PDB file of N, CA and C in Angstrom:
ATOM      1  N   TYR A   1      45.133  96.356 -53.159  1.00  0.00           N
ATOM      2  CA  TYR A   1      43.773  95.999 -52.731  1.00  0.00           C
ATOM      3  C   TYR A   1      43.717  95.817 -51.215  1.00  0.00           C
ATOM      4  N   GLY A   2      44.724  95.133 -50.685  1.00  0.00           N
ATOM      5  CA  GLY A   2      44.778  94.921 -49.241  1.00  0.00           C
ATOM      6  C   GLY A   2      44.958  96.235 -48.491  1.00  0.00           C
ATOM      7  N   ASN A   3      45.636  97.188 -49.143  1.00  0.00           N
ATOM      8  CA  ASN A   3      45.870  98.485 -48.519  1.00  0.00           C
ATOM      9  C   ASN A   3      44.556  99.208 -48.271  1.00  0.00           C
ATOM     10  N   TYR A   4      43.619  99.064 -49.212  1.00  0.00           N
ATOM     11  CA  TYR A   4      42.311  99.705 -49.084  1.00  0.00           C
ATOM     12  C   TYR A   4      41.561  99.158 -47.874  1.00  0.00           C
ATOM     13  N   LEU A   5      41.629  97.851 -47.679  1.00  0.00           N
ATOM     14  CA  LEU A   5      40.957  97.223 -46.540  1.00  0.00           C
ATOM     15  C   LEU A   5      41.578  97.688 -45.231  1.00  0.00           C
ATOM     16  N   THR A   6      42.896  97.787 -45.209  1.00  0.00           N
ATOM     17  CA  THR A   6      43.594  98.223 -44.000  1.00  0.00           C
ATOM     18  C   THR A   6      43.179  99.651 -43.648  1.00  0.00           C
ATOM     19  N   GLU A   7      43.078 100.482 -44.675  1.00  0.00           N
ATOM     20  CA  GLU A   7      42.687 101.872 -44.462  1.00  0.00           C
ATOM     21  C   GLU A   7      41.271 101.937 -43.907  1.00  0.00           C
ATOM     22  N   LYS A   8      40.381 101.112 -44.455  1.00  0.00           N
ATOM     23  CA  LYS A   8      38.994 101.082 -43.999  1.00  0.00           C
ATOM     24  C   LYS A   8      38.918 100.623 -42.548  1.00  0.00           C
ATOM     25  N   ALA A   9      39.688  99.605 -42.204  1.00  0.00           N
ATOM     26  CA  ALA A   9      39.697  99.085 -40.834  1.00  0.00           C
ATOM     27  C   ALA A   9      40.220 100.154 -39.877  1.00  0.00           C
ATOM     28  N   PHE A  10      41.234 100.896 -40.308  1.00  0.00           N
ATOM     29  CA  PHE A  10      41.816 101.945 -39.474  1.00  0.00           C
ATOM     30  C   PHE A  10      40.798 103.048 -39.209  1.00  0.00           C
ATOM     31  N   VAL A  11      40.063 103.436 -40.244  1.00  0.00           N
ATOM     32  CA  VAL A  11      39.040 104.475 -40.104  1.00  0.00           C
ATOM     33  C   VAL A  11      37.947 104.000 -39.157  1.00  0.00           C
ATOM     34  N   LEU A  12      37.540 102.737 -39.315  1.00  0.00           N
ATOM     35  CA  LEU A  12      36.501 102.171 -38.460  1.00  0.00           C
ATOM     36  C   LEU A  12      36.959 102.164 -37.004  1.00  0.00           C
ATOM     37  N   PHE A  13      38.223 101.763 -36.790  1.00  0.00           N
ATOM     38  CA  PHE A  13      38.796 101.734 -35.444  1.00  0.00           C
ATOM     39  C   PHE A  13      38.825 103.135 -34.838  1.00  0.00           C
ATOM     40  N   PHE A  14      39.217 104.116 -35.657  1.00  0.00           N
ATOM     41  CA  PHE A  14      39.285 105.502 -35.201  1.00  0.00           C
ATOM     42  C   PHE A  14      37.903 106.001 -34.785  1.00  0.00           C
ATOM     43  N   ILE A  15      36.888 105.676 -35.594  1.00  0.00           N
ATOM     44  CA  ILE A  15      35.515 106.089 -35.289  1.00  0.00           C
ATOM     45  C   ILE A  15      35.044 105.441 -33.995  1.00  0.00           C
ATOM     46  N   LEU A  16      35.350 104.162 -33.810  1.00  0.00           N
ATOM     47  CA  LEU A  16      34.941 103.461 -32.595  1.00  0.00           C
ATOM     48  C   LEU A  16      35.585 104.078 -31.363  1.00  0.00           C
ATOM     49  N   GLU A  17      36.870 104.378 -31.451  1.00  0.00           N
ATOM     50  CA  GLU A  17      37.576 105.000 -30.331  1.00  0.00           C
ATOM     51  C   GLU A  17      36.977 106.371 -30.012  1.00  0.00           C
ATOM     52  N   TYR A  18      36.651 107.123 -31.057  1.00  0.00           N
ATOM     53  CA  TYR A  18      36.056 108.443 -30.882  1.00  0.00           C
ATOM     54  C   TYR A  18      34.701 108.329 -30.188  1.00  0.00           C
ATOM     55  N   LEU A  19      33.883 107.377 -30.641  1.00  0.00           N
ATOM     56  CA  LEU A  19      32.568 107.181 -30.034  1.00  0.00           C
ATOM     57  C   LEU A  19      32.693 106.774 -28.578  1.00  0.00           C
ATOM     58  N   LYS A  20      33.702 105.939 -28.288  1.00  0.00           N
ATOM     59  CA  LYS A  20      33.910 105.488 -26.907  1.00  0.00           C
ATOM     60  C   LYS A  20      34.247 106.665 -25.997  1.00  0.00           C
ATOM     61  N   SER A  21      35.111 107.559 -26.463  1.00  0.00           N
ATOM     62  CA  SER A  21      35.499 108.701 -25.631  1.00  0.00           C
ATOM     63  C   SER A  21      34.325 109.660 -25.444  1.00  0.00           C
ATOM     64  N   VAL A  22      33.521 109.824 -26.496  1.00  0.00           N
ATOM     65  CA  VAL A  22      32.340 110.685 -26.388  1.00  0.00           C
ATOM     66  C   VAL A  22      31.366 110.083 -25.379  1.00  0.00           C
ATOM     67  N   LEU A  23      31.199 108.765 -25.450  1.00  0.00           N
ATOM     68  CA  LEU A  23      30.292 108.073 -24.532  1.00  0.00           C
ATOM     69  C   LEU A  23      30.784 108.212 -23.095  1.00  0.00           C
ATOM     70  N   ASN A  24      32.098 108.080 -22.894  1.00  0.00           N
ATOM     71  CA  ASN A  24      32.671 108.226 -21.553  1.00  0.00           C
ATOM     72  C   ASN A  24      32.412 109.621 -20.997  1.00  0.00           C
ATOM     73  N   CYS A  25      32.600 110.643 -21.826  1.00  0.00           N
ATOM     74  CA  CYS A  25      32.349 112.020 -21.393  1.00  0.00           C
ATOM     75  C   CYS A  25      30.885 112.182 -21.021  1.00  0.00           C
ATOM     76  N   PHE A  26      30.002 111.619 -21.839  1.00  0.00           N
ATOM     77  CA  PHE A  26      28.565 111.722 -21.604  1.00  0.00           C
ATOM     78  C   PHE A  26      28.192 111.064 -20.279  1.00  0.00           C
ATOM     79  N   ILE A  27      28.769 109.896 -20.007  1.00  0.00           N
ATOM     80  CA  ILE A  27      28.499 109.173 -18.753  1.00  0.00           C
ATOM     81  C   ILE A  27      29.009 109.987 -17.563  1.00  0.00           C
ATOM     82  N   LEU A  28      30.205 110.535 -17.678  1.00  0.00           N
ATOM     83  CA  LEU A  28      30.764 111.339 -16.589  1.00  0.00           C
ATOM     84  C   LEU A  28      29.890 112.552 -16.300  1.00  0.00           C
ATOM     85  N   VAL A  29      29.421 113.207 -17.346  1.00  0.00           N
ATOM     86  CA  VAL A  29      28.581 114.395 -17.179  1.00  0.00           C
ATOM     87  C   VAL A  29      27.260 114.024 -16.529  1.00  0.00           C
ATOM     88  N   SER A  30      26.634 112.927 -16.972  1.00  0.00           N
ATOM     89  CA  SER A  30      25.343 112.545 -16.397  1.00  0.00           C
ATOM     90  C   SER A  30      25.492 112.100 -14.945  1.00  0.00           C
ATOM     91  N   VAL A  31      26.606 111.452 -14.617  1.00  0.00           N
ATOM     92  CA  VAL A  31      26.861 111.060 -13.225  1.00  0.00           C
ATOM     93  C   VAL A  31      27.049 112.321 -12.381  1.00  0.00           C
ATOM     94  N   ASP A  32      27.775 113.283 -12.920  1.00  0.00           N
ATOM     95  CA  ASP A  32      28.001 114.555 -12.242  1.00  0.00           C
ATOM     96  C   ASP A  32      26.671 115.251 -11.966  1.00  0.00           C
ATOM     97  N   VAL A  33      25.799 115.269 -12.958  1.00  0.00           N
ATOM     98  CA  VAL A  33      24.482 115.903 -12.815  1.00  0.00           C
ATOM     99  C   VAL A  33      23.668 115.173 -11.756  1.00  0.00           C
ATOM    100  N   ASP A  34      23.722 113.841 -11.770  1.00  0.00           N
ATOM    101  CA  ASP A  34      22.990 113.049 -10.777  1.00  0.00           C
ATOM    102  C   ASP A  34      23.455 113.388  -9.360  1.00  0.00           C
ATOM    103  N   LEU A  35      24.755 113.513  -9.177  1.00  0.00           N
ATOM    104  CA  LEU A  35      25.302 113.823  -7.858  1.00  0.00           C
ATOM    105  C   LEU A  35      24.873 115.219  -7.405  1.00  0.00           C
ATOM    106  N   ASN A  36      24.842 116.154  -8.338  1.00  0.00           N
ATOM    107  CA  ASN A  36      24.456 117.521  -7.992  1.00  0.00           C
ATOM    108  C   ASN A  36      22.964 117.640  -7.694  1.00  0.00           C
ATOM    109  N   MET A  37      22.158 116.807  -8.340  1.00  0.00           N
ATOM    110  CA  MET A  37      20.709 116.864  -8.150  1.00  0.00           C
ATOM    111  C   MET A  37      20.313 116.340  -6.774  1.00  0.00           C
ATOM    112  N   SER A  38      20.968 115.281  -6.322  1.00  0.00           N
ATOM    113  CA  SER A  38      20.571 114.658  -5.052  1.00  0.00           C
ATOM    114  C   SER A  38      21.045 115.461  -3.841  1.00  0.00           C
TER     115      SER A  38
END
């Protein structure tokens, strides 16, 4: 039973890390666009 919870927590952690990296890429791209526009 505890193994199931650990697996769920691991998946949640993986998703959060993935979202963070996607967000970082998005921020870098928008900053890049801002610099090119000005």
